[in-house]
Amino acid sequence: MRRHCWIGSNVVILKGVTIGNNCVIEAGCVVYKDVPDNSVVMNQQQHQIKFTHNHGKENQDSVHR
């Protein structure tokens, strides 16, 4: 786990997983693969819903499912 991460309650992070800088992991998630920098992760099959780039400016086009 890197810097400035917010991890919700009851989150399970499996061994060997890397969580990037400035990430938010929603409560109740099971994180089983690496999470890139500046990501928000929800509990629906670990969807990554948004990246933020350039000092807080949001890039809505970077949605992954």
Protein backbone atom coordinates (compact mmCIF):
# COMPACT_ATOMS: atom_id res chain seq x y z
CA MET A 1 0.00 0.00 0.00
CA ARG A 2 1.39 3.32 -1.03
CA ARG A 3 0.78 6.90 0.14
CA HIS A 4 -2.53 8.70 0.75
CA CYS A 5 -4.88 5.71 0.56
CA TRP A 6 -8.30 5.52 2.19
CA ILE A 7 -9.41 1.99 3.02
CA GLY A 8 -13.01 1.38 4.13
CA SER A 9 -14.06 -0.94 6.93
CA ASN A 10 -14.12 -4.72 6.42
CA VAL A 11 -11.81 -4.55 3.39
CA VAL A 12 -9.76 -7.68 2.67
CA ILE A 13 -6.51 -7.13 0.76
CA LEU A 14 -4.97 -10.38 -0.42
CA LYS A 15 -1.26 -11.13 -0.14
CA GLY A 16 0.90 -9.71 -2.93
CA VAL A 17 -1.58 -7.01 -4.01
CA THR A 18 -0.24 -3.48 -4.52
CA ILE A 19 -2.49 -0.48 -3.93
CA GLY A 20 -1.22 2.66 -5.66
CA ASN A 21 -0.97 6.23 -4.42
CA ASN A 22 -4.12 8.29 -3.74
CA CYS A 23 -6.60 5.40 -3.85
CA VAL A 24 -9.97 4.93 -2.18
CA ILE A 25 -11.24 1.40 -1.51
CA GLU A 26 -14.94 1.15 -0.62
CA ALA A 27 -15.99 -0.70 2.55
CA GLY A 28 -16.44 -4.46 2.24
CA CYS A 29 -14.26 -4.96 -0.86
CA VAL A 30 -12.03 -7.96 -1.42
CA VAL A 31 -9.02 -6.64 -3.32
CA TYR A 32 -7.44 -9.52 -5.26
CA LYS A 33 -5.50 -7.66 -7.98
CA ASP A 34 -3.30 -4.58 -8.14
CA VAL A 35 -4.97 -1.17 -8.00
CA PRO A 36 -3.32 1.61 -10.06
CA ASP A 37 -2.55 5.08 -8.70
CA ASN A 38 -5.43 7.57 -8.34
CA SER A 39 -8.23 5.00 -8.38
CA VAL A 40 -11.55 4.51 -6.63
CA VAL A 41 -12.65 0.88 -6.22
CA MET A 42 -16.22 -0.26 -5.53
CA ASN A 43 -17.48 -3.59 -4.27
CA GLN A 44 -19.11 -4.75 -7.52
CA GLN A 45 -16.55 -7.31 -8.70
CA GLN A 46 -13.82 -4.81 -7.94
CA HIS A 47 -14.77 -2.28 -10.60
CA GLN A 48 -12.43 0.62 -10.84
CA ILE A 49 -14.75 3.56 -11.37
CA LYS A 50 -12.58 6.62 -11.83
CA PHE A 51 -9.05 7.91 -12.22
CA THR A 52 -7.94 11.37 -11.20
CA HIS A 53 -5.04 13.02 -12.99
CA ASN A 54 -3.15 16.30 -12.96
CA HIS A 55 -3.47 17.34 -9.32
CA GLY A 56 -7.12 16.54 -8.75
CA LYS A 57 -8.63 17.27 -12.17
CA GLU A 58 -10.95 14.36 -12.95
CA ASN A 59 -10.77 12.40 -16.17
CA GLN A 60 -14.21 10.83 -16.65
CA ASP A 61 -13.04 8.97 -19.77
CA SER A 62 -10.92 6.52 -17.78
CA VAL A 63 -13.72 4.22 -16.64
CA HIS A 64 -12.89 0.50 -16.44
CA ARG A 65 -15.29 -2.39 -15.99
